[in-house]
Amino acid sequence: MTPTLISPTHCHLGEGPLWHPGRGQLFWFDILGKRLLTIEDGRQMHWELGEHGSAAGWIDDDTLLIATETGLDRFDIATGARTRLTDLEADDPLTRSNDGRADPWSGFWIGTMAKDKTAGAGAIYRYYRGELRRLHPGITIPNSICFAPDRPLAYFADTPTRRVMRQPLDPETGWPVAAPEVFLDLRTEGLNPDGAVTDAEGCLWSAQWGASRVARYSPAGAYLSAIGLPTLQVSCPAFGGADLKTLFATTASEDHEDAHSGQTFAVPVDATGLPEPRVIP
């Protein structure tokens, strides 16, 4: 399981990889570079967003939902045109979006944080059928948003706490029905949970900021294995490829620069991912 470099671009803060299942195409962000990037027909392209963008879902084969520092937008892939779906802390110039992912009910979870990382200035929200609802206030750096494939469960983390939480959801609507509980406590190991994704077996793959790796945990929270990356700040994983057996990983040069910092990688793995659910605006 040797990583392959798929993008030599040194993103300041690479994040939010999304494999579009209909297009067979990878998209990702450089949050601090204010760009959305992709590879199409073997050629890397990008769009200048003019503001911080961080996460995406797919609406149809021609359209993405993208999260920026001020809102959730429809994004036309062919033209780059954006249409606002809902504001997201648009009245607060000190915050931006961070980690996010579509849920199995065709909703979209998204976290916000202070641009200067002020403690407790962010939150985690869910957008569902036109409604944006704040789920968790007082978040510092929201991350690890992903969902169990076989049970109505969401995962998320506030990275400085070094814990990944697990939250029961309503099986019909996907809204939380109980308080979150600790799924992974990484404080003893000094690990910082960043972005995460689940595979078809329900295992959670956690990018661990500052540890040069993506680690795999069982549905019960047991450590199983890890994939090493050739740079320190690994930010977010996503499954993709025709058979969903490729793990893509974004990285960052924020706080650390080396030969591979901020570049994007692909690793063949002995696990199968799940196609990202469609977002219904």
Protein backbone atom coordinates (compact mmCIF):
# COMPACT_ATOMS: atom_id res chain seq x y z
CA MET A 1 0.00 0.00 0.00
CA THR A 2 2.43 2.59 -1.29
CA PRO A 3 1.11 6.13 -1.76
CA THR A 4 1.16 7.58 -5.27
CA LEU A 5 1.42 11.31 -5.83
CA ILE A 6 -1.57 12.41 -7.91
CA SER A 7 -1.21 16.17 -7.54
CA PRO A 8 2.16 17.90 -7.04
CA THR A 9 0.42 21.18 -6.15
CA HIS A 10 1.44 22.31 -2.67
CA CYS A 11 -1.87 23.34 -1.12
CA HIS A 12 -1.56 25.56 1.92
CA LEU A 13 -4.42 23.62 3.50
CA GLY A 14 -5.60 20.78 1.29
CA GLU A 15 -8.97 19.49 2.48
CA GLY A 16 -12.38 18.08 1.59
CA PRO A 17 -11.61 15.39 -1.03
CA LEU A 18 -14.77 14.19 -2.80
CA TRP A 19 -14.96 11.37 -5.34
CA HIS A 20 -17.97 12.12 -7.54
CA PRO A 21 -19.46 8.67 -8.22
CA GLY A 22 -21.31 9.72 -11.37
CA ARG A 23 -18.40 11.52 -12.98
CA GLY A 24 -15.63 9.27 -11.64
CA GLN A 25 -13.74 12.43 -10.72
CA LEU A 26 -11.91 13.71 -7.66
CA PHE A 27 -12.45 17.22 -6.31
CA TRP A 28 -10.67 18.82 -3.36
CA PHE A 29 -9.99 22.24 -1.81
CA ASP A 30 -7.10 24.41 -0.78
CA ILE A 31 -8.95 26.20 1.99
CA LEU A 32 -6.41 28.94 2.63
CA GLY A 33 -5.61 29.21 -1.08
CA LYS A 34 -9.33 29.79 -1.74
CA ARG A 35 -9.42 27.27 -4.58
CA LEU A 36 -11.40 24.20 -5.64
CA LEU A 37 -9.24 21.70 -7.52
CA THR A 38 -9.95 18.65 -9.67
CA ILE A 39 -8.36 16.20 -12.09
CA GLU A 40 -10.31 15.65 -15.31
CA ASP A 41 -9.05 13.45 -18.17
CA GLY A 42 -5.63 13.35 -16.53
CA ARG A 43 -5.36 17.15 -16.36
CA GLN A 44 -5.45 19.15 -13.15
CA MET A 45 -7.74 22.18 -13.11
CA HIS A 46 -8.86 24.65 -10.48
CA TRP A 47 -11.41 27.37 -9.81
CA GLU A 48 -10.66 30.53 -7.83
CA LEU A 49 -13.42 30.89 -5.22
CA GLY A 50 -12.59 34.33 -3.87
CA GLU A 51 -13.25 33.07 -0.33
CA HIS A 52 -12.37 30.08 1.80
CA GLY A 53 -14.04 26.86 0.55
CA SER A 54 -13.63 23.61 2.40
CA ALA A 55 -16.03 20.74 1.64
CA ALA A 56 -18.39 19.47 -1.04
CA GLY A 57 -21.14 17.03 -1.88
CA TRP A 58 -22.63 16.15 -5.24
CA ILE A 59 -26.13 17.20 -6.33
CA ASP A 60 -26.08 15.66 -9.81
CA ASP A 61 -23.55 14.90 -12.53
CA ASP A 62 -23.19 18.59 -13.37
CA THR A 63 -23.50 20.23 -9.97
CA LEU A 64 -21.79 20.22 -6.59
CA LEU A 65 -22.80 21.63 -3.24
CA ILE A 66 -19.80 23.51 -1.87
CA ALA A 67 -19.29 24.99 1.59
CA THR A 68 -17.54 28.34 1.81
CA GLU A 69 -16.84 30.75 4.63
CA THR A 70 -20.21 32.46 4.08
CA GLY A 71 -22.63 29.79 2.88
CA LEU A 72 -23.60 26.64 1.04
CA ASP A 73 -23.71 27.09 -2.74
CA ARG A 74 -24.74 25.18 -5.83
CA PHE A 75 -21.62 24.99 -8.02
CA ASP A 76 -21.91 24.43 -11.77
CA ILE A 77 -18.91 22.30 -12.75
CA ALA A 78 -18.94 23.36 -16.40
CA THR A 79 -19.07 27.11 -15.83
CA GLY A 80 -17.95 27.63 -12.23
CA ALA A 81 -21.14 29.60 -11.55
CA ARG A 82 -22.40 29.58 -7.96
CA THR A 83 -25.92 30.02 -6.59
CA ARG A 84 -26.47 30.52 -2.86
CA LEU A 85 -28.58 27.87 -1.12
CA THR A 86 -28.23 29.19 2.41
CA ASP A 87 -25.96 31.51 4.36
CA LEU A 88 -23.53 29.98 6.85
CA GLU A 89 -22.34 32.45 9.49
CA ALA A 90 -22.21 35.01 6.68
CA ASP A 91 -22.54 37.81 9.22
CA ASP A 92 -19.36 36.74 11.03
CA PRO A 93 -16.19 37.64 9.08
CA LEU A 94 -14.03 35.92 11.70
CA THR A 95 -15.22 32.36 10.92
CA ARG A 96 -15.07 29.97 7.97
CA SER A 97 -16.28 26.50 7.12
CA ASN A 98 -14.06 23.46 7.64
CA ASP A 99 -14.88 19.75 7.49
CA GLY A 100 -18.13 18.46 5.97
CA ARG A 101 -19.75 15.50 4.25
CA ALA A 102 -23.09 14.32 2.83
CA ASP A 103 -25.11 11.99 5.05
CA PRO A 104 -27.06 8.87 3.98
CA TRP A 105 -30.36 10.82 4.03
CA SER A 106 -29.07 13.24 1.37
CA GLY A 107 -28.40 15.94 3.92
CA PHE A 108 -25.06 17.68 4.45
CA TRP A 109 -23.14 18.21 7.70
CA ILE A 110 -20.69 21.10 7.87
CA GLY A 111 -18.50 22.57 10.59
CA THR A 112 -17.32 26.12 11.16
CA MET A 113 -14.36 27.54 13.05
CA ALA A 114 -12.56 30.81 13.74
CA LYS A 115 -9.98 31.71 11.12
CA ASP A 116 -7.54 32.31 13.99
CA LYS A 117 -8.65 29.09 15.76
CA THR A 118 -10.21 30.90 18.73
CA ALA A 119 -11.47 28.23 21.12
CA GLY A 120 -15.19 27.47 20.93
CA ALA A 121 -15.97 29.95 18.15
CA GLY A 122 -17.31 27.36 15.69
CA ALA A 123 -20.17 24.91 15.41
CA ILE A 124 -21.42 21.87 13.51
CA TYR A 125 -24.54 22.22 11.37
CA ARG A 126 -26.76 20.00 9.26
CA TYR A 127 -28.39 21.16 6.03
CA TYR A 128 -31.41 19.04 5.08
CA ARG A 129 -34.03 19.75 2.43
CA GLY A 130 -33.48 23.49 2.60
CA GLU A 131 -33.15 23.79 6.39
CA LEU A 132 -29.84 24.64 8.10
CA ARG A 133 -29.86 23.66 11.77
CA ARG A 134 -27.04 24.12 14.28
CA LEU A 135 -26.36 20.83 16.06
CA HIS A 136 -23.27 21.47 18.18
CA PRO A 137 -22.08 24.95 19.26
CA GLY A 138 -18.80 25.72 20.99
CA ILE A 139 -16.58 23.81 18.56
CA THR A 140 -12.97 24.88 18.01
CA ILE A 141 -11.86 22.82 14.97
CA PRO A 142 -14.64 20.60 13.56
CA ASN A 143 -13.46 17.44 11.85
CA SER A 144 -14.02 13.69 11.29
CA ILE A 145 -17.59 14.14 9.99
CA CYS A 146 -18.69 10.81 8.50
CA PHE A 147 -21.42 8.19 8.90
CA ALA A 148 -21.75 4.50 9.70
CA PRO A 149 -22.91 2.47 6.68
CA ASP A 150 -25.08 0.00 8.56
CA ARG A 151 -26.46 1.96 11.51
CA PRO A 152 -27.87 5.47 11.94
CA LEU A 153 -24.72 6.94 13.47
CA ALA A 154 -22.69 10.08 12.81
CA TYR A 155 -19.08 10.65 13.79
CA PHE A 156 -17.40 13.99 14.41
CA ALA A 157 -14.50 15.50 16.32
CA ASP A 158 -13.38 18.76 17.82
CA THR A 159 -9.73 18.19 16.99
CA PRO A 160 -8.09 19.87 20.04
CA THR A 161 -10.02 17.52 22.36
CA ARG A 162 -8.30 14.54 20.64
CA ARG A 163 -11.57 12.62 20.76
CA VAL A 164 -13.87 11.33 18.02
CA MET A 165 -17.52 11.31 19.03
CA ARG A 166 -20.34 9.04 17.92
CA GLN A 167 -23.95 10.25 17.78
CA PRO A 168 -27.15 8.21 17.28
CA LEU A 169 -29.45 9.48 14.52
CA ASP A 170 -33.10 9.02 13.65
CA PRO A 171 -33.22 6.18 11.10
CA GLU A 172 -35.95 7.95 9.11
CA THR A 173 -34.64 11.52 8.96
CA GLY A 174 -31.00 11.49 10.07
CA TRP A 175 -31.48 14.12 12.78
CA PRO A 176 -29.71 13.44 16.13
CA VAL A 177 -31.83 11.63 18.69
CA ALA A 178 -29.39 11.32 21.60
CA ALA A 179 -26.31 12.98 23.02
CA PRO A 180 -22.96 12.07 21.44
CA GLU A 181 -20.62 9.69 23.22
CA VAL A 182 -16.87 9.10 22.94
CA PHE A 183 -15.92 6.68 20.16
CA LEU A 184 -12.14 7.22 20.10
CA ASP A 185 -10.08 8.80 22.86
CA LEU A 186 -6.66 9.58 21.41
CA ARG A 187 -5.37 11.76 24.23
CA THR A 188 -3.00 9.15 25.64
CA GLU A 189 -1.40 8.68 22.22
CA GLY A 190 -1.24 12.41 21.55
CA LEU A 191 -3.01 12.02 18.20
CA ASN A 192 -5.07 14.75 16.54
CA PRO A 193 -8.10 13.47 14.61
CA ASP A 194 -8.64 15.42 11.39
CA GLY A 195 -10.91 14.35 8.50
CA ALA A 196 -12.37 10.84 8.43
CA VAL A 197 -14.38 8.46 6.24
CA THR A 198 -15.96 5.05 6.77
CA ASP A 199 -15.64 1.96 4.59
CA ALA A 200 -18.19 -0.71 3.64
CA GLU A 201 -17.34 -2.73 6.77
CA GLY A 202 -18.10 0.21 9.01
CA CYS A 203 -14.47 0.90 9.89
CA LEU A 204 -13.42 4.51 10.36
CA TRP A 205 -10.33 5.84 8.56
CA SER A 206 -8.93 8.82 10.47
CA ALA A 207 -6.42 11.30 9.06
CA GLN A 208 -4.23 12.25 12.00
CA TRP A 209 -2.78 15.73 11.79
CA GLY A 210 0.91 15.79 12.68
CA ALA A 211 1.32 11.99 12.53
CA SER A 212 1.92 11.39 8.78
CA ARG A 213 -0.81 8.78 8.58
CA VAL A 214 -4.39 7.67 8.09
CA ALA A 215 -5.38 5.11 10.74
CA ARG A 216 -8.17 2.53 10.48
CA TYR A 217 -10.41 1.68 13.47
CA SER A 218 -13.06 -1.02 13.81
CA PRO A 219 -16.73 -0.18 14.42
CA ALA A 220 -16.00 -0.91 18.09
CA GLY A 221 -13.15 1.61 18.15
CA ALA A 222 -10.21 -0.82 18.08
CA TYR A 223 -7.08 0.23 16.20
CA LEU A 224 -6.54 -1.98 13.16
CA SER A 225 -3.82 -0.53 10.93
CA ALA A 226 -2.39 2.67 9.47
CA ILE A 227 -1.18 3.97 6.12
CA GLY A 228 1.86 6.21 6.20
CA LEU A 229 2.08 9.33 4.04
CA PRO A 230 5.35 11.11 3.18
CA THR A 231 4.40 14.37 4.88
CA LEU A 232 3.42 15.40 8.37
CA GLN A 233 0.07 17.18 8.10
CA VAL A 234 -2.44 14.67 6.65
CA SER A 235 -5.84 16.34 6.60
CA CYS A 236 -8.63 14.22 5.07
CA PRO A 237 -9.25 10.86 3.34
CA ALA A 238 -11.85 9.82 0.77
CA PHE A 239 -12.54 6.57 -1.07
CA GLY A 240 -12.74 6.56 -4.84
CA GLY A 241 -11.70 4.90 -8.04
CA ALA A 242 -13.84 2.63 -10.19
CA ASP A 243 -13.95 -0.07 -7.48
CA LEU A 244 -13.82 2.31 -4.47
CA LYS A 245 -10.61 0.61 -3.34
CA THR A 246 -8.43 3.71 -3.62
CA LEU A 247 -7.95 5.94 -0.61
CA PHE A 248 -7.25 9.55 -1.53
CA ALA A 249 -5.64 11.83 1.04
CA THR A 250 -5.14 15.58 1.15
CA THR A 251 -2.34 17.21 3.12
CA ALA A 252 -1.26 20.68 4.19
CA SER A 253 1.79 22.89 4.34
CA GLU A 254 0.21 24.95 7.14
CA ASP A 255 2.47 24.84 10.22
CA HIS A 256 4.97 22.60 8.42
CA GLU A 257 6.67 22.56 5.02
CA ASP A 258 8.56 19.68 3.44
CA ALA A 259 8.98 18.21 -0.06
CA HIS A 260 5.45 16.75 -0.07
CA SER A 261 3.50 19.07 2.22
CA GLY A 262 0.17 20.11 0.75
CA GLN A 263 0.27 17.53 -2.03
CA THR A 264 -2.50 15.00 -2.73
CA PHE A 265 -2.03 11.24 -2.73
CA ALA A 266 -3.77 7.99 -3.70
CA VAL A 267 -3.22 4.63 -2.01
CA PRO A 268 -4.66 1.23 -3.07
CA VAL A 269 -6.16 -0.42 0.02
CA ASP A 270 -7.52 -3.83 1.05
CA ALA A 271 -10.92 -2.34 1.86
CA THR A 272 -13.86 -1.03 -0.12
CA GLY A 273 -15.34 2.40 0.34
CA LEU A 274 -18.88 3.59 -0.16
CA PRO A 275 -20.11 5.99 -2.83
CA GLU A 276 -20.83 9.41 -1.40
CA PRO A 277 -24.60 9.99 -1.12
CA ARG A 278 -26.25 12.59 -3.29
CA VAL A 279 -27.22 15.87 -1.61
CA ILE A 280 -30.80 16.94 -2.21
CA PRO A 281 -30.93 20.76 -1.84
